Amino acid sequence: MPWIKRYSIIFCFWAISCELHDPIFDNSLDLEVAAEKGIYPPALVFFPNKAEATIGDTVEVEVYAMEIKNVGMAQIEVHYDPARLTVISVAQGSLFQGGNQPFFITENDINNGVLTIFITYLGPSGKAIEGTGDIALIHFKPRSTGNTEFRISQESILLDPDANTITLNGYGKG
């Protein structure tokens, strides 16, 4: 029985020394995290919504649609500080896939810091998409040190196949 006492003492020290960590959840695609930030679907958000970089680095940020339904077209405006960030490239995401290649074009106003993304669905099984997924992948490069923000403008619109506006309940920022 002395081994029980020895193992009981060891177990008590082990149990006392354990520490429970309070996990930090900051995934902008998590509905609970988004709700805490006042963003409710359908919404347009960034993933990741925070990034750290030094001058010369390239930062990848994806534009995501959260829980959208019956979307045929999108025009998304991303505002950024052109004195602090340079848009290097913009690539099409995977959400508007499923048949013919979607129409995807971007315009970047480098003087005002407005990147506009246009995309139209051309799928065979209907004229619309739904769900959560990435619309575009943006590569930024920092131009100067310090903090800056990029955000999805409330001027961004989603349209159904008949060109009726779909109400968005949230616009992300990073």
N, C-alpha and C. Protein backbone atom coordinates (compact mmCIF):
# COMPACT_ATOMS: atom_id res chain seq x y z
N MET A 1 0.79 -1.20 0.00
CA MET A 1 0.00 0.00 0.00
C MET A 1 0.84 1.28 0.00
N PRO A 2 2.14 1.25 0.33
CA PRO A 2 2.91 2.49 0.29
C PRO A 2 3.00 3.04 -1.13
N TRP A 3 2.91 2.20 -2.15
CA TRP A 3 2.98 2.70 -3.52
C TRP A 3 1.76 3.54 -3.87
N ILE A 4 0.60 3.24 -3.26
CA ILE A 4 -0.61 4.04 -3.50
C ILE A 4 -0.40 5.46 -2.98
N LYS A 5 0.19 5.55 -1.79
CA LYS A 5 0.43 6.87 -1.19
C LYS A 5 1.41 7.67 -2.07
N ARG A 6 2.47 7.00 -2.53
CA ARG A 6 3.48 7.67 -3.35
C ARG A 6 2.86 8.16 -4.67
N TYR A 7 2.09 7.29 -5.34
CA TYR A 7 1.46 7.68 -6.60
C TYR A 7 0.36 8.71 -6.40
N SER A 8 -0.32 8.68 -5.28
CA SER A 8 -1.34 9.69 -4.98
C SER A 8 -0.70 11.06 -4.83
N ILE A 9 0.45 11.12 -4.16
CA ILE A 9 1.15 12.39 -4.00
C ILE A 9 1.65 12.90 -5.35
N ILE A 10 2.22 12.00 -6.16
CA ILE A 10 2.70 12.39 -7.50
C ILE A 10 1.54 12.87 -8.35
N PHE A 11 0.42 12.17 -8.29
CA PHE A 11 -0.75 12.57 -9.07
C PHE A 11 -1.26 13.94 -8.63
N CYS A 12 -1.27 14.20 -7.33
CA CYS A 12 -1.73 15.51 -6.82
C CYS A 12 -0.82 16.63 -7.33
N PHE A 13 0.51 16.42 -7.27
CA PHE A 13 1.43 17.44 -7.78
C PHE A 13 1.22 17.65 -9.29
N TRP A 14 1.02 16.58 -10.00
CA TRP A 14 0.80 16.68 -11.44
C TRP A 14 -0.50 17.44 -11.74
N ALA A 15 -1.57 17.13 -11.03
CA ALA A 15 -2.86 17.79 -11.25
C ALA A 15 -2.79 19.27 -10.91
N ILE A 16 -2.08 19.61 -9.85
CA ILE A 16 -1.96 21.01 -9.44
C ILE A 16 -1.11 21.79 -10.44
N SER A 17 -0.10 21.13 -11.00
CA SER A 17 0.79 21.84 -11.92
C SER A 17 0.20 22.03 -13.31
N CYS A 18 -0.90 21.35 -13.62
CA CYS A 18 -1.53 21.52 -14.93
C CYS A 18 -2.22 22.88 -14.99
N GLU A 19 -2.10 23.49 -16.11
CA GLU A 19 -2.72 24.81 -16.30
C GLU A 19 -3.67 24.73 -17.48
N LEU A 20 -4.87 25.23 -17.29
CA LEU A 20 -5.83 25.27 -18.37
C LEU A 20 -5.67 26.59 -19.12
N HIS A 21 -5.48 26.48 -20.40
CA HIS A 21 -5.31 27.67 -21.23
C HIS A 21 -6.67 28.09 -21.78
N ASP A 22 -6.88 29.36 -21.81
CA ASP A 22 -8.08 29.91 -22.41
C ASP A 22 -7.76 30.17 -23.87
N PRO A 23 -8.25 29.33 -24.78
CA PRO A 23 -7.87 29.49 -26.18
C PRO A 23 -8.42 30.79 -26.77
N ILE A 24 -7.66 31.34 -27.70
CA ILE A 24 -8.07 32.56 -28.38
C ILE A 24 -8.51 32.17 -29.79
N PHE A 25 -9.76 32.41 -30.06
CA PHE A 25 -10.30 32.10 -31.38
C PHE A 25 -10.52 33.42 -32.12
N ASP A 26 -9.81 33.59 -33.23
CA ASP A 26 -9.91 34.82 -33.99
C ASP A 26 -10.01 34.52 -35.48
N ASN A 27 -10.70 33.44 -35.81
CA ASN A 27 -10.89 33.05 -37.20
C ASN A 27 -12.07 33.84 -37.76
N SER A 28 -11.82 34.71 -38.72
CA SER A 28 -12.88 35.56 -39.25
C SER A 28 -13.97 34.77 -39.96
N LEU A 29 -13.73 33.51 -40.29
CA LEU A 29 -14.74 32.68 -40.93
C LEU A 29 -15.62 31.93 -39.93
N ASP A 30 -15.25 31.97 -38.65
CA ASP A 30 -16.05 31.35 -37.59
C ASP A 30 -17.25 32.24 -37.32
N LEU A 31 -18.45 31.68 -37.39
CA LEU A 31 -19.67 32.49 -37.23
C LEU A 31 -19.75 33.15 -35.86
N GLU A 32 -19.30 32.48 -34.81
CA GLU A 32 -19.33 33.07 -33.47
C GLU A 32 -18.36 34.24 -33.37
N VAL A 33 -17.16 34.08 -33.89
CA VAL A 33 -16.17 35.16 -33.87
C VAL A 33 -16.68 36.34 -34.69
N ALA A 34 -17.23 36.05 -35.86
CA ALA A 34 -17.77 37.12 -36.71
C ALA A 34 -18.90 37.85 -36.00
N ALA A 35 -19.78 37.11 -35.32
CA ALA A 35 -20.90 37.74 -34.61
C ALA A 35 -20.40 38.66 -33.51
N GLU A 36 -19.32 38.28 -32.83
CA GLU A 36 -18.76 39.14 -31.79
C GLU A 36 -18.25 40.45 -32.37
N LYS A 37 -17.90 40.44 -33.65
CA LYS A 37 -17.42 41.66 -34.32
C LYS A 37 -18.55 42.37 -35.06
N GLY A 38 -19.78 41.88 -34.89
CA GLY A 38 -20.93 42.51 -35.53
C GLY A 38 -21.12 42.14 -36.99
N ILE A 39 -20.53 41.03 -37.41
CA ILE A 39 -20.65 40.59 -38.80
C ILE A 39 -21.52 39.33 -38.83
N TYR A 40 -22.63 39.42 -39.56
CA TYR A 40 -23.56 38.30 -39.69
C TYR A 40 -23.75 37.98 -41.17
N PRO A 41 -23.89 36.69 -41.50
CA PRO A 41 -24.06 36.31 -42.90
C PRO A 41 -25.39 36.81 -43.46
N PRO A 42 -25.47 36.99 -44.75
CA PRO A 42 -24.38 36.90 -45.71
C PRO A 42 -23.42 38.07 -45.54
N ALA A 43 -22.14 37.79 -45.72
CA ALA A 43 -21.12 38.80 -45.48
C ALA A 43 -19.91 38.56 -46.38
N LEU A 44 -19.11 39.60 -46.50
CA LEU A 44 -17.81 39.52 -47.18
C LEU A 44 -16.75 39.83 -46.15
N VAL A 45 -15.77 38.93 -45.99
CA VAL A 45 -14.73 39.10 -44.97
C VAL A 45 -13.36 38.75 -45.54
N PHE A 46 -12.33 39.09 -44.78
CA PHE A 46 -10.96 38.72 -45.13
C PHE A 46 -10.52 37.53 -44.30
N PHE A 47 -9.67 36.70 -44.90
CA PHE A 47 -9.03 35.63 -44.15
C PHE A 47 -7.58 35.53 -44.62
N PRO A 48 -6.63 35.66 -43.73
CA PRO A 48 -6.80 36.03 -42.33
C PRO A 48 -7.17 37.52 -42.23
N ASN A 49 -7.70 37.89 -41.08
CA ASN A 49 -8.10 39.29 -40.92
C ASN A 49 -7.00 40.12 -40.27
N LYS A 50 -5.87 39.50 -39.96
CA LYS A 50 -4.70 40.21 -39.43
C LYS A 50 -3.45 39.59 -40.03
N ALA A 51 -2.48 40.43 -40.31
CA ALA A 51 -1.21 39.93 -40.83
C ALA A 51 -0.09 40.85 -40.38
N GLU A 52 1.07 40.25 -40.13
CA GLU A 52 2.26 41.02 -39.79
C GLU A 52 3.29 40.79 -40.88
N ALA A 53 3.91 41.89 -41.30
CA ALA A 53 4.91 41.78 -42.36
C ALA A 53 5.92 42.90 -42.21
N THR A 54 7.07 42.68 -42.80
CA THR A 54 8.08 43.73 -42.86
C THR A 54 8.19 44.20 -44.31
N ILE A 55 8.82 45.33 -44.49
CA ILE A 55 8.97 45.87 -45.84
C ILE A 55 9.72 44.84 -46.69
N GLY A 56 9.19 44.55 -47.86
CA GLY A 56 9.77 43.54 -48.74
C GLY A 56 9.01 42.23 -48.71
N ASP A 57 8.27 41.96 -47.63
CA ASP A 57 7.46 40.74 -47.54
C ASP A 57 6.23 40.88 -48.43
N THR A 58 5.65 39.74 -48.78
CA THR A 58 4.37 39.72 -49.47
C THR A 58 3.35 39.09 -48.54
N VAL A 59 2.20 39.73 -48.41
CA VAL A 59 1.14 39.25 -47.54
C VAL A 59 -0.02 38.75 -48.40
N GLU A 60 -0.49 37.54 -48.11
CA GLU A 60 -1.64 36.98 -48.81
C GLU A 60 -2.89 37.16 -47.96
N VAL A 61 -3.93 37.69 -48.57
CA VAL A 61 -5.21 37.87 -47.90
C VAL A 61 -6.29 37.40 -48.86
N GLU A 62 -7.21 36.58 -48.37
CA GLU A 62 -8.30 36.10 -49.21
C GLU A 62 -9.58 36.85 -48.89
N VAL A 63 -10.36 37.14 -49.92
CA VAL A 63 -11.69 37.71 -49.74
C VAL A 63 -12.66 36.53 -49.76
N TYR A 64 -13.42 36.38 -48.67
CA TYR A 64 -14.36 35.27 -48.53
C TYR A 64 -15.79 35.78 -48.50
N ALA A 65 -16.69 35.02 -49.09
CA ALA A 65 -18.12 35.23 -48.93
C ALA A 65 -18.58 34.23 -47.88
N MET A 66 -19.36 34.70 -46.92
CA MET A 66 -19.88 33.84 -45.85
C MET A 66 -21.37 33.60 -46.05
N GLU A 67 -21.72 32.33 -46.18
CA GLU A 67 -23.10 31.87 -46.24
C GLU A 67 -23.96 32.69 -47.20
N ILE A 68 -23.53 32.74 -48.46
CA ILE A 68 -24.30 33.46 -49.47
C ILE A 68 -25.24 32.49 -50.19
N LYS A 69 -26.31 33.03 -50.76
CA LYS A 69 -27.28 32.21 -51.49
C LYS A 69 -27.70 32.93 -52.76
N ASN A 70 -27.86 32.15 -53.83
CA ASN A 70 -28.40 32.63 -55.10
C ASN A 70 -27.61 33.82 -55.66
N VAL A 71 -26.29 33.72 -55.64
CA VAL A 71 -25.44 34.81 -56.14
C VAL A 71 -24.97 34.48 -57.56
N GLY A 72 -25.16 35.44 -58.45
CA GLY A 72 -24.72 35.28 -59.82
C GLY A 72 -23.55 36.18 -60.18
N MET A 73 -23.45 37.32 -59.48
CA MET A 73 -22.40 38.30 -59.79
C MET A 73 -21.97 39.00 -58.51
N ALA A 74 -20.75 39.53 -58.54
CA ALA A 74 -20.26 40.30 -57.39
C ALA A 74 -19.36 41.43 -57.88
N GLN A 75 -19.46 42.55 -57.18
CA GLN A 75 -18.53 43.66 -57.36
C GLN A 75 -18.07 44.03 -55.96
N ILE A 76 -16.80 43.80 -55.69
CA ILE A 76 -16.26 43.97 -54.34
C ILE A 76 -15.20 45.06 -54.36
N GLU A 77 -15.37 46.05 -53.50
CA GLU A 77 -14.39 47.13 -53.37
C GLU A 77 -13.59 46.93 -52.10
N VAL A 78 -12.28 46.85 -52.26
CA VAL A 78 -11.36 46.75 -51.13
C VAL A 78 -10.61 48.07 -51.04
N HIS A 79 -10.74 48.73 -49.89
CA HIS A 79 -10.04 50.01 -49.68
C HIS A 79 -8.78 49.75 -48.86
N TYR A 80 -7.69 50.41 -49.23
CA TYR A 80 -6.42 50.27 -48.53
C TYR A 80 -5.68 51.60 -48.61
N ASP A 81 -4.66 51.76 -47.79
CA ASP A 81 -3.86 52.99 -47.78
C ASP A 81 -2.73 52.83 -48.79
N PRO A 82 -2.78 53.55 -49.93
CA PRO A 82 -1.75 53.38 -50.95
C PRO A 82 -0.37 53.89 -50.52
N ALA A 83 -0.32 54.68 -49.46
CA ALA A 83 0.98 55.13 -48.96
C ALA A 83 1.66 54.02 -48.16
N ARG A 84 0.87 53.06 -47.68
CA ARG A 84 1.42 51.99 -46.84
C ARG A 84 1.42 50.62 -47.51
N LEU A 85 0.52 50.40 -48.48
CA LEU A 85 0.40 49.08 -49.12
C LEU A 85 0.41 49.22 -50.64
N THR A 86 0.96 48.20 -51.28
CA THR A 86 0.91 48.08 -52.74
C THR A 86 0.24 46.74 -53.06
N VAL A 87 -0.72 46.76 -53.96
CA VAL A 87 -1.33 45.51 -54.43
C VAL A 87 -0.41 44.94 -55.49
N ILE A 88 0.09 43.73 -55.24
CA ILE A 88 1.01 43.06 -56.17
C ILE A 88 0.23 42.28 -57.22
N SER A 89 -0.75 41.49 -56.76
CA SER A 89 -1.55 40.69 -57.69
C SER A 89 -2.87 40.31 -57.05
N VAL A 90 -3.81 39.94 -57.90
CA VAL A 90 -5.12 39.46 -57.45
C VAL A 90 -5.44 38.23 -58.28
N ALA A 91 -5.77 37.14 -57.61
CA ALA A 91 -6.11 35.89 -58.31
C ALA A 91 -7.53 35.47 -57.94
N GLN A 92 -8.16 34.80 -58.85
CA GLN A 92 -9.51 34.30 -58.63
C GLN A 92 -9.52 33.20 -57.59
N GLY A 93 -10.52 33.21 -56.73
CA GLY A 93 -10.70 32.15 -55.74
C GLY A 93 -11.47 30.98 -56.32
N SER A 94 -11.92 30.09 -55.46
CA SER A 94 -12.56 28.86 -55.93
C SER A 94 -14.08 28.86 -55.82
N LEU A 95 -14.68 29.88 -55.21
CA LEU A 95 -16.13 29.85 -54.97
C LEU A 95 -16.94 29.88 -56.26
N PHE A 96 -16.57 30.66 -57.22
CA PHE A 96 -17.34 30.81 -58.45
C PHE A 96 -16.91 29.78 -59.50
N GLN A 97 -16.67 28.55 -59.11
CA GLN A 97 -16.25 27.48 -60.02
C GLN A 97 -17.41 26.52 -60.26
N GLY A 98 -17.27 25.69 -61.27
CA GLY A 98 -18.27 24.66 -61.51
C GLY A 98 -18.86 24.74 -62.90
N GLY A 99 -18.06 24.64 -63.88
CA GLY A 99 -18.55 24.72 -65.25
C GLY A 99 -17.62 25.58 -66.07
N ASN A 100 -18.19 26.53 -66.76
CA ASN A 100 -17.39 27.45 -67.55
C ASN A 100 -16.56 28.34 -66.63
N GLN A 101 -15.44 28.80 -67.14
CA GLN A 101 -14.58 29.69 -66.37
C GLN A 101 -15.34 30.98 -66.09
N PRO A 102 -15.40 31.43 -64.82
CA PRO A 102 -16.11 32.67 -64.52
C PRO A 102 -15.40 33.88 -65.13
N PHE A 103 -16.17 34.91 -65.37
CA PHE A 103 -15.61 36.18 -65.81
C PHE A 103 -15.04 36.84 -64.56
N PHE A 104 -13.74 37.12 -64.56
CA PHE A 104 -13.05 37.68 -63.39
C PHE A 104 -12.11 38.78 -63.86
N ILE A 105 -12.33 39.98 -63.34
CA ILE A 105 -11.48 41.10 -63.72
C ILE A 105 -11.33 42.02 -62.51
N THR A 106 -10.19 42.69 -62.45
CA THR A 106 -9.96 43.62 -61.33
C THR A 106 -9.51 44.97 -61.87
N GLU A 107 -9.80 45.99 -61.09
CA GLU A 107 -9.31 47.34 -61.36
C GLU A 107 -8.67 47.84 -60.08
N ASN A 108 -7.48 48.41 -60.18
CA ASN A 108 -6.78 48.90 -59.00
C ASN A 108 -6.48 50.39 -59.18
N ASP A 109 -7.16 51.21 -58.39
CA ASP A 109 -6.91 52.65 -58.38
C ASP A 109 -5.82 52.91 -57.36
N ILE A 110 -4.57 52.97 -57.82
CA ILE A 110 -3.43 53.09 -56.89
C ILE A 110 -3.34 54.47 -56.25
N ASN A 111 -3.96 55.47 -56.85
CA ASN A 111 -3.94 56.81 -56.26
C ASN A 111 -4.87 56.93 -55.06
N ASN A 112 -6.03 56.29 -55.14
CA ASN A 112 -7.02 56.37 -54.06
C ASN A 112 -7.05 55.12 -53.18
N GLY A 113 -6.31 54.08 -53.54
CA GLY A 113 -6.28 52.86 -52.74
C GLY A 113 -7.59 52.10 -52.78
N VAL A 114 -8.13 51.90 -53.99
CA VAL A 114 -9.38 51.15 -54.15
C VAL A 114 -9.15 50.04 -55.17
N LEU A 115 -9.26 48.81 -54.71
CA LEU A 115 -9.18 47.63 -55.57
C LEU A 115 -10.60 47.13 -55.78
N THR A 116 -11.04 47.05 -57.03
CA THR A 116 -12.39 46.57 -57.33
C THR A 116 -12.28 45.23 -58.03
N ILE A 117 -13.03 44.26 -57.52
CA ILE A 117 -13.04 42.90 -58.06
C ILE A 117 -14.42 42.65 -58.66
N PHE A 118 -14.45 42.25 -59.93
CA PHE A 118 -15.70 41.91 -60.61
C PHE A 118 -15.66 40.42 -60.93
N ILE A 119 -16.76 39.71 -60.64
CA ILE A 119 -16.82 38.29 -60.99
C ILE A 119 -18.27 37.92 -61.31
N THR A 120 -18.43 37.06 -62.32
CA THR A 120 -19.75 36.60 -62.75
C THR A 120 -19.71 35.08 -62.88
N TYR A 121 -20.74 34.42 -62.40
CA TYR A 121 -20.82 32.97 -62.44
C TYR A 121 -21.38 32.51 -63.79
N LEU A 122 -20.75 31.50 -64.36
CA LEU A 122 -21.17 30.95 -65.65
C LEU A 122 -21.32 29.43 -65.55
N GLY A 123 -21.94 28.94 -64.48
CA GLY A 123 -22.02 27.51 -64.24
C GLY A 123 -23.10 26.81 -65.04
N PRO A 124 -22.93 25.50 -65.27
CA PRO A 124 -23.87 24.74 -66.09
C PRO A 124 -25.14 24.32 -65.35
N SER A 125 -25.06 24.15 -64.04
CA SER A 125 -26.19 23.60 -63.29
C SER A 125 -27.10 24.70 -62.75
N GLY A 126 -27.02 25.83 -63.29
CA GLY A 126 -27.82 26.96 -62.82
C GLY A 126 -27.02 28.22 -62.99
N LYS A 127 -27.61 29.28 -62.59
CA LYS A 127 -26.97 30.57 -62.79
C LYS A 127 -26.44 31.16 -61.50
N ALA A 128 -26.46 30.42 -60.41
CA ALA A 128 -26.10 31.01 -59.12
C ALA A 128 -25.27 30.05 -58.28
N ILE A 129 -24.60 30.63 -57.31
CA ILE A 129 -23.82 29.84 -56.35
C ILE A 129 -24.34 30.12 -54.95
N GLU A 130 -23.90 29.28 -54.02
CA GLU A 130 -24.23 29.49 -52.61
C GLU A 130 -23.16 28.85 -51.76
N GLY A 131 -23.13 29.25 -50.50
CA GLY A 131 -22.18 28.67 -49.56
C GLY A 131 -21.18 29.68 -49.05
N THR A 132 -20.09 29.15 -48.50
CA THR A 132 -18.99 29.95 -47.99
C THR A 132 -17.73 29.56 -48.76
N GLY A 133 -17.00 30.54 -49.23
CA GLY A 133 -15.78 30.23 -49.96
C GLY A 133 -15.02 31.46 -50.37
N ASP A 134 -13.83 31.21 -50.91
CA ASP A 134 -12.96 32.32 -51.29
C ASP A 134 -13.30 32.83 -52.68
N ILE A 135 -13.39 34.14 -52.78
CA ILE A 135 -13.69 34.79 -54.06
C ILE A 135 -12.40 35.23 -54.74
N ALA A 136 -11.46 35.75 -53.95
CA ALA A 136 -10.21 36.25 -54.53
C ALA A 136 -9.07 36.14 -53.53
N LEU A 137 -7.86 36.04 -54.06
CA LEU A 137 -6.64 36.03 -53.26
C LEU A 137 -5.85 37.28 -53.65
N ILE A 138 -5.60 38.15 -52.67
CA ILE A 138 -4.90 39.40 -52.91
C ILE A 138 -3.51 39.31 -52.30
N HIS A 139 -2.49 39.72 -53.05
CA HIS A 139 -1.13 39.82 -52.54
C HIS A 139 -0.79 41.29 -52.36
N PHE A 140 -0.53 41.67 -51.10
CA PHE A 140 -0.11 43.03 -50.76
C PHE A 140 1.36 43.03 -50.41
N LYS A 141 2.00 44.19 -50.56
CA LYS A 141 3.36 44.39 -50.10
C LYS A 141 3.39 45.69 -49.29
N PRO A 142 3.95 45.66 -48.07
CA PRO A 142 4.05 46.89 -47.29
C PRO A 142 5.03 47.87 -47.94
N ARG A 143 4.68 49.16 -47.90
CA ARG A 143 5.55 50.21 -48.45
C ARG A 143 6.26 50.98 -47.36
N SER A 144 5.70 50.94 -46.15
CA SER A 144 6.30 51.66 -45.03
C SER A 144 5.99 50.92 -43.74
N THR A 145 6.66 51.30 -42.68
CA THR A 145 6.43 50.64 -41.39
C THR A 145 5.20 51.23 -40.72
N GLY A 146 4.66 50.48 -39.78
CA GLY A 146 3.50 50.94 -39.02
C GLY A 146 2.28 50.09 -39.34
N ASN A 147 1.20 50.41 -38.65
CA ASN A 147 -0.06 49.68 -38.82
C ASN A 147 -0.90 50.34 -39.91
N THR A 148 -1.65 49.52 -40.60
CA THR A 148 -2.59 50.02 -41.59
C THR A 148 -3.77 49.07 -41.66
N GLU A 149 -4.82 49.52 -42.29
CA GLU A 149 -6.04 48.72 -42.37
C GLU A 149 -6.49 48.63 -43.81
N PHE A 150 -7.03 47.50 -44.19
CA PHE A 150 -7.72 47.36 -45.46
C PHE A 150 -9.11 46.87 -45.12
N ARG A 151 -10.09 47.30 -45.90
CA ARG A 151 -11.47 46.96 -45.56
C ARG A 151 -12.31 46.77 -46.82
N ILE A 152 -13.37 46.01 -46.67
CA ILE A 152 -14.33 45.82 -47.75
C ILE A 152 -15.37 46.93 -47.62
N SER A 153 -15.53 47.68 -48.68
CA SER A 153 -16.43 48.83 -48.69
C SER A 153 -17.90 48.39 -48.68
N GLN A 154 -18.73 49.22 -48.08
CA GLN A 154 -20.17 48.98 -48.12
C GLN A 154 -20.76 49.25 -49.50
N GLU A 155 -19.93 49.74 -50.41
CA GLU A 155 -20.33 49.92 -51.80
C GLU A 155 -20.26 48.59 -52.56
N SER A 156 -19.71 47.56 -51.93
CA SER A 156 -19.63 46.23 -52.55
C SER A 156 -21.03 45.67 -52.70
N ILE A 157 -21.26 44.95 -53.79
CA ILE A 157 -22.59 44.39 -54.02
C ILE A 157 -22.50 42.95 -54.51
N LEU A 158 -23.51 42.19 -54.13
CA LEU A 158 -23.75 40.86 -54.68
C LEU A 158 -25.08 40.94 -55.40
N LEU A 159 -25.18 40.28 -56.55
CA LEU A 159 -26.41 40.29 -57.33
C LEU A 159 -26.86 38.86 -57.60
N ASP A 160 -28.18 38.66 -57.65
CA ASP A 160 -28.69 37.35 -58.04
C ASP A 160 -28.64 37.26 -59.58
N PRO A 161 -28.99 36.12 -60.16
CA PRO A 161 -28.90 35.98 -61.62
C PRO A 161 -29.76 36.97 -62.41
N ASP A 162 -30.78 37.54 -61.77
CA ASP A 162 -31.63 38.53 -62.43
C ASP A 162 -31.18 39.96 -62.14
N ALA A 163 -29.98 40.12 -61.59
CA ALA A 163 -29.37 41.42 -61.28
C ALA A 163 -30.08 42.17 -60.16
N ASN A 164 -30.74 41.44 -59.25
CA ASN A 164 -31.33 42.05 -58.05
C ASN A 164 -30.28 42.05 -56.95
N THR A 165 -30.20 43.14 -56.21
CA THR A 165 -29.20 43.26 -55.15
C THR A 165 -29.51 42.32 -53.99
N ILE A 166 -28.48 41.66 -53.50
CA ILE A 166 -28.59 40.80 -52.32
C ILE A 166 -28.03 41.59 -51.14
N THR A 167 -28.80 41.69 -50.08
CA THR A 167 -28.38 42.47 -48.91
C THR A 167 -27.25 41.77 -48.18
N LEU A 168 -26.19 42.51 -47.93
CA LEU A 168 -25.06 42.01 -47.14
C LEU A 168 -25.21 42.53 -45.72
N ASN A 169 -24.92 41.68 -44.75
CA ASN A 169 -25.04 42.06 -43.34
C ASN A 169 -23.70 42.34 -42.68
N GLY A 170 -22.61 42.14 -43.40
CA GLY A 170 -21.31 42.37 -42.80
C GLY A 170 -20.23 42.60 -43.84
N TYR A 171 -19.29 43.48 -43.47
CA TYR A 171 -18.17 43.82 -44.33
C TYR A 171 -16.90 43.72 -43.49
N GLY A 172 -15.97 42.90 -43.91
CA GLY A 172 -14.77 42.67 -43.13
C GLY A 172 -13.73 43.76 -43.27
N LYS A 173 -12.82 43.76 -42.29
CA LYS A 173 -11.65 44.63 -42.35
C LYS A 173 -10.48 43.87 -41.76
N GLY A 174 -9.31 44.28 -42.14
CA GLY A 174 -8.12 43.59 -41.67
C GLY A 174 -7.01 44.55 -41.35
